[in-house]
Amino acid sequence: MVVPALDLESSLSKVCYDKINAHHSSVLSLLSKRINAWANRAQVKKEGKFNTICDEDIDDFLPEFLPFVDHLIFRKLSERIKKKILSCGWIIYNEKIVQIETKIVNPICVDILSDVIPGNTYRKFLSQTMIDESSHVPLVVISSNVTREKRNLNLALPEFNLVRDMKILEGNYSEQWQKKLIRFSTAVISEIFISDYLKLISESKQIQPLNRVPVAAHRQDELAHKGIFKYLTKFFIIA
């Protein structure tokens, strides 16, 4: 049987409409649960738990995060120099976190709240996410400043390559919606993949407790955030 073109179009429209409704219903249900759990989950509300003493004899960072850890020159260095390099690695890592939060994640939350997402549930969850992301900055700055002071390090760091490359790509397009889509894609990648790094650091027993504890707190928030960015990606694809 041949289906008339008009009926086929109507059927496809109904399928798409039902798919969008089902998607939104499941997302709204999930977001409502996470909104209600925020008061107990958000690490910004647990600032007192980060008063951890620095043990100067313990390394500041994980050696496997150094891209040159297996290089012959690095392996021949004294333990004192290796420790100094690991301390620099920890400061660099923290600076990347600060730039991701302030130049990638929070700006895209502003974009979404301003232009794209309808409904109070989405807006409330994104507002909570922005509070969480902003609270991560002082967490890493505090532990980074302790490292700078204790290890006598004064590093001037350039802009993180992910931020720099995002800006370069934005510059290739003239339309604002194109630039925002690039920022959104960068934020999604950052939020989804950062949890693996946070997990390794937060569960390590070979680095500073002062460094491990705030990373564990950061990870708790990110486990909630990466889900919303995945769902927002589906929202943009379906819409």
Protein backbone atom coordinates (compact mmCIF):
# COMPACT_ATOMS: atom_id res chain seq x y z
CA MET A 1 0.00 0.00 0.00
CA VAL A 2 1.28 3.47 -0.89
CA VAL A 3 0.99 5.98 1.95
CA PRO A 4 -0.08 9.44 0.72
CA ALA A 5 2.66 12.04 1.13
CA LEU A 6 0.52 14.18 3.43
CA ASP A 7 -0.25 11.26 5.74
CA LEU A 8 3.41 10.27 5.82
CA GLU A 9 4.42 13.82 6.77
CA SER A 10 1.79 13.91 9.51
CA SER A 11 2.95 10.54 10.86
CA LEU A 12 6.57 11.65 10.93
CA SER A 13 5.61 14.89 12.67
CA LYS A 14 3.70 12.94 15.31
CA VAL A 15 6.66 10.59 15.88
CA CYS A 16 9.03 13.55 16.30
CA TYR A 17 6.58 15.31 18.60
CA ASP A 18 6.13 12.20 20.77
CA LYS A 19 9.90 11.68 20.86
CA ILE A 20 10.50 15.24 22.01
CA ASN A 21 7.77 14.99 24.67
CA ALA A 22 9.14 11.69 26.00
CA HIS A 23 12.66 13.11 26.06
CA HIS A 24 11.60 16.24 27.93
CA SER A 25 9.51 14.28 30.43
CA SER A 26 12.42 12.00 31.35
CA VAL A 27 14.85 14.93 31.60
CA LEU A 28 12.49 17.02 33.71
CA SER A 29 11.97 14.10 36.08
CA LEU A 30 15.72 13.64 36.48
CA LEU A 31 16.38 17.35 36.93
CA SER A 32 13.66 17.69 39.54
CA LYS A 33 15.31 14.97 41.63
CA ARG A 34 18.73 16.60 41.31
CA ILE A 35 17.38 20.04 42.15
CA ASN A 36 15.85 18.68 45.35
CA ALA A 37 19.10 16.89 46.24
CA TRP A 38 21.28 19.95 45.64
CA ALA A 39 21.12 21.31 49.20
CA ASN A 40 22.69 18.09 50.53
CA ARG A 41 24.97 17.37 47.58
CA ALA A 42 26.51 20.75 46.66
CA GLN A 43 30.10 20.95 47.91
CA VAL A 44 29.93 24.74 48.21
CA LYS A 45 27.81 24.11 51.32
CA LYS A 46 30.56 22.03 52.95
CA GLU A 47 33.45 24.48 53.03
CA GLY A 48 34.60 23.43 56.50
CA LYS A 49 35.58 19.95 55.33
CA PHE A 50 38.57 21.32 53.38
CA ASN A 51 40.62 22.34 56.39
CA THR A 52 43.24 19.66 55.74
CA ILE A 53 46.87 20.01 56.83
CA CYS A 54 49.58 19.99 54.17
CA ASP A 55 52.18 17.22 54.53
CA GLU A 56 55.30 18.60 52.87
CA ASP A 57 56.90 15.16 52.42
CA ILE A 58 54.12 13.87 50.15
CA ASP A 59 54.02 14.56 46.41
CA ASP A 60 51.62 17.21 45.14
CA PHE A 61 50.58 15.51 41.90
CA LEU A 62 50.37 12.16 40.11
CA PRO A 63 53.47 11.36 38.00
CA GLU A 64 51.37 9.54 35.37
CA PHE A 65 49.71 12.86 34.50
CA LEU A 66 53.03 14.22 33.25
CA PRO A 67 53.37 13.68 29.47
CA PHE A 68 57.12 13.13 29.87
CA VAL A 69 57.05 10.82 32.88
CA ASP A 70 58.77 7.99 30.95
CA HIS A 71 61.32 10.24 29.26
CA LEU A 72 64.92 9.26 29.99
CA ILE A 73 65.91 12.78 31.09
CA PHE A 74 63.06 12.97 33.60
CA ARG A 75 63.78 9.52 34.96
CA LYS A 76 67.40 10.51 35.64
CA LEU A 77 66.48 13.58 37.68
CA SER A 78 66.93 13.66 41.44
CA GLU A 79 63.90 13.02 43.63
CA ARG A 80 64.03 16.64 44.80
CA ILE A 81 63.69 17.97 41.24
CA LYS A 82 60.98 15.44 40.41
CA LYS A 83 58.98 16.61 43.42
CA LYS A 84 59.39 20.22 42.27
CA ILE A 85 58.12 19.32 38.80
CA LEU A 86 55.14 17.51 40.30
CA SER A 87 54.35 20.62 42.33
CA CYS A 88 54.44 22.67 39.12
CA GLY A 89 52.15 20.09 37.50
CA TRP A 90 49.63 20.51 40.30
CA ILE A 91 49.62 24.31 39.93
CA ILE A 92 49.19 24.02 36.14
CA TYR A 93 46.35 21.53 36.60
CA ASN A 94 44.58 23.93 38.97
CA GLU A 95 44.99 26.84 36.58
CA LYS A 96 43.37 24.74 33.85
CA ILE A 97 40.41 24.06 36.16
CA VAL A 98 40.01 27.77 36.88
CA GLN A 99 40.03 28.61 33.17
CA ILE A 100 37.60 25.82 32.29
CA GLU A 101 35.14 26.99 34.94
CA THR A 102 35.40 30.73 34.24
CA LYS A 103 35.95 30.81 30.47
CA ILE A 104 34.06 27.74 29.23
CA VAL A 105 31.43 26.27 31.56
CA ASN A 106 29.90 29.30 33.28
CA PRO A 107 29.77 31.38 30.07
CA ILE A 108 27.85 28.64 28.24
CA CYS A 109 25.43 28.39 31.19
CA VAL A 110 24.79 32.12 30.72
CA ASP A 111 24.27 31.57 26.98
CA ILE A 112 21.77 28.79 27.60
CA LEU A 113 19.88 30.64 30.32
CA SER A 114 19.68 33.73 28.13
CA ASP A 115 18.72 32.25 24.78
CA VAL A 116 17.86 28.62 24.50
CA ILE A 117 16.31 26.62 27.29
CA PRO A 118 12.64 27.13 28.18
CA GLY A 119 11.07 26.09 31.47
CA ASN A 120 11.82 26.78 35.12
CA THR A 121 13.29 23.30 35.81
CA TYR A 122 16.10 23.68 33.29
CA ARG A 123 16.81 27.22 34.43
CA LYS A 124 16.90 26.30 38.10
CA PHE A 125 19.28 23.38 37.54
CA LEU A 126 21.60 25.49 35.40
CA SER A 127 21.57 28.22 38.04
CA GLN A 128 22.62 25.68 40.67
CA THR A 129 25.29 24.37 38.30
CA MET A 130 26.73 27.87 37.97
CA ILE A 131 26.94 28.18 41.77
CA ASP A 132 28.75 24.83 41.93
CA GLU A 133 31.17 25.73 39.15
CA SER A 134 31.99 29.08 40.76
CA SER A 135 32.64 27.37 44.09
CA HIS A 136 35.23 25.07 42.50
CA VAL A 137 37.43 28.07 41.72
CA PRO A 138 38.22 29.02 45.35
CA LEU A 139 38.71 25.34 46.18
CA VAL A 140 41.52 24.89 43.67
CA VAL A 141 42.94 28.38 44.21
CA ILE A 142 43.36 27.74 47.94
CA SER A 143 45.22 24.45 47.48
CA SER A 144 47.25 25.91 44.61
CA ASN A 145 48.29 28.91 46.70
CA VAL A 146 49.40 26.62 49.53
CA THR A 147 51.57 24.72 47.03
CA ARG A 148 53.07 27.94 45.69
CA GLU A 149 53.93 29.09 49.19
CA LYS A 150 55.18 25.79 50.63
CA ARG A 151 57.24 24.90 47.54
CA ASN A 152 58.41 28.47 46.89
CA LEU A 153 57.05 28.52 43.33
CA ASN A 154 55.97 31.54 41.33
CA LEU A 155 54.60 30.43 37.96
CA ALA A 156 53.18 32.73 35.29
CA LEU A 157 51.02 30.52 33.09
CA PRO A 158 49.63 31.16 29.59
CA GLU A 159 46.04 30.63 28.52
CA PHE A 160 45.04 26.96 28.51
CA ASN A 161 45.16 25.48 25.00
CA LEU A 162 41.52 24.30 25.13
CA VAL A 163 40.35 27.86 25.80
CA ARG A 164 42.75 29.28 23.21
CA ASP A 165 41.70 26.79 20.52
CA MET A 166 38.01 27.40 21.27
CA LYS A 167 38.49 31.14 20.75
CA ILE A 168 40.40 30.56 17.50
CA LEU A 169 37.61 28.33 16.19
CA GLU A 170 34.98 30.90 17.19
CA GLY A 171 36.90 33.48 15.19
CA ASN A 172 36.35 31.45 12.01
CA TYR A 173 32.59 32.06 12.14
CA SER A 174 30.59 35.28 11.97
CA GLU A 175 27.19 34.27 13.34
CA GLN A 176 26.63 34.40 17.11
CA TRP A 177 24.72 31.12 17.10
CA GLN A 178 27.76 29.44 15.53
CA LYS A 179 30.07 30.83 18.20
CA LYS A 180 27.70 29.72 20.95
CA LEU A 181 27.48 26.23 19.48
CA ILE A 182 31.29 26.00 19.56
CA ARG A 183 31.31 27.12 23.20
CA PHE A 184 28.57 24.62 24.02
CA SER A 185 30.46 21.74 22.36
CA THR A 186 33.63 22.65 24.27
CA ALA A 187 31.74 22.78 27.57
CA VAL A 188 30.13 19.38 26.94
CA ILE A 189 33.51 17.79 26.25
CA SER A 190 35.02 19.41 29.35
CA GLU A 191 32.20 18.35 31.66
CA ILE A 192 31.98 14.77 30.41
CA PHE A 193 35.69 13.93 30.39
CA ILE A 194 36.97 15.83 33.42
CA SER A 195 35.40 13.30 35.80
CA ASP A 196 37.98 10.63 34.86
CA TYR A 197 40.86 12.89 35.90
CA LEU A 198 39.06 13.92 39.07
CA LYS A 199 38.46 10.28 39.98
CA LEU A 200 42.14 9.34 39.66
CA ILE A 201 43.30 12.28 41.77
CA SER A 202 40.58 12.05 44.42
CA GLU A 203 41.19 8.35 45.05
CA SER A 204 44.98 8.48 45.05
CA LYS A 205 46.76 7.85 48.35
CA GLN A 206 50.15 9.02 47.07
CA ILE A 207 49.42 12.74 46.83
CA GLN A 208 48.76 15.53 49.32
CA PRO A 209 45.54 15.13 51.31
CA LEU A 210 45.16 18.89 50.92
CA ASN A 211 45.07 18.35 47.15
CA ARG A 212 43.00 15.18 47.15
CA VAL A 213 40.10 16.37 49.32
CA PRO A 214 38.96 19.38 47.24
CA VAL A 215 39.28 17.33 44.04
CA ALA A 216 36.99 14.71 45.59
CA ALA A 217 34.50 17.48 46.37
CA HIS A 218 34.79 18.81 42.84
CA ARG A 219 34.12 15.33 41.47
CA GLN A 220 30.91 14.96 43.48
CA ASP A 221 29.47 18.03 41.79
CA GLU A 222 30.72 17.07 38.33
CA LEU A 223 29.06 13.66 38.52
CA ALA A 224 25.76 15.51 38.69
CA HIS A 225 26.67 18.09 36.04
CA LYS A 226 27.88 15.87 33.24
CA GLY A 227 24.44 14.24 33.02
CA ILE A 228 22.69 17.54 32.34
CA PHE A 229 25.13 18.43 29.57
CA LYS A 230 24.51 15.08 27.89
CA TYR A 231 20.77 15.69 28.04
CA LEU A 232 21.16 19.23 26.75
CA THR A 233 23.07 17.81 23.79
CA LYS A 234 20.09 15.57 22.98
CA PHE A 235 17.81 18.56 23.38
CA PHE A 236 19.71 20.52 20.74
CA ILE A 237 19.84 17.53 18.36
CA ILE A 238 16.11 16.79 18.64
CA ALA A 239 15.03 20.43 18.62
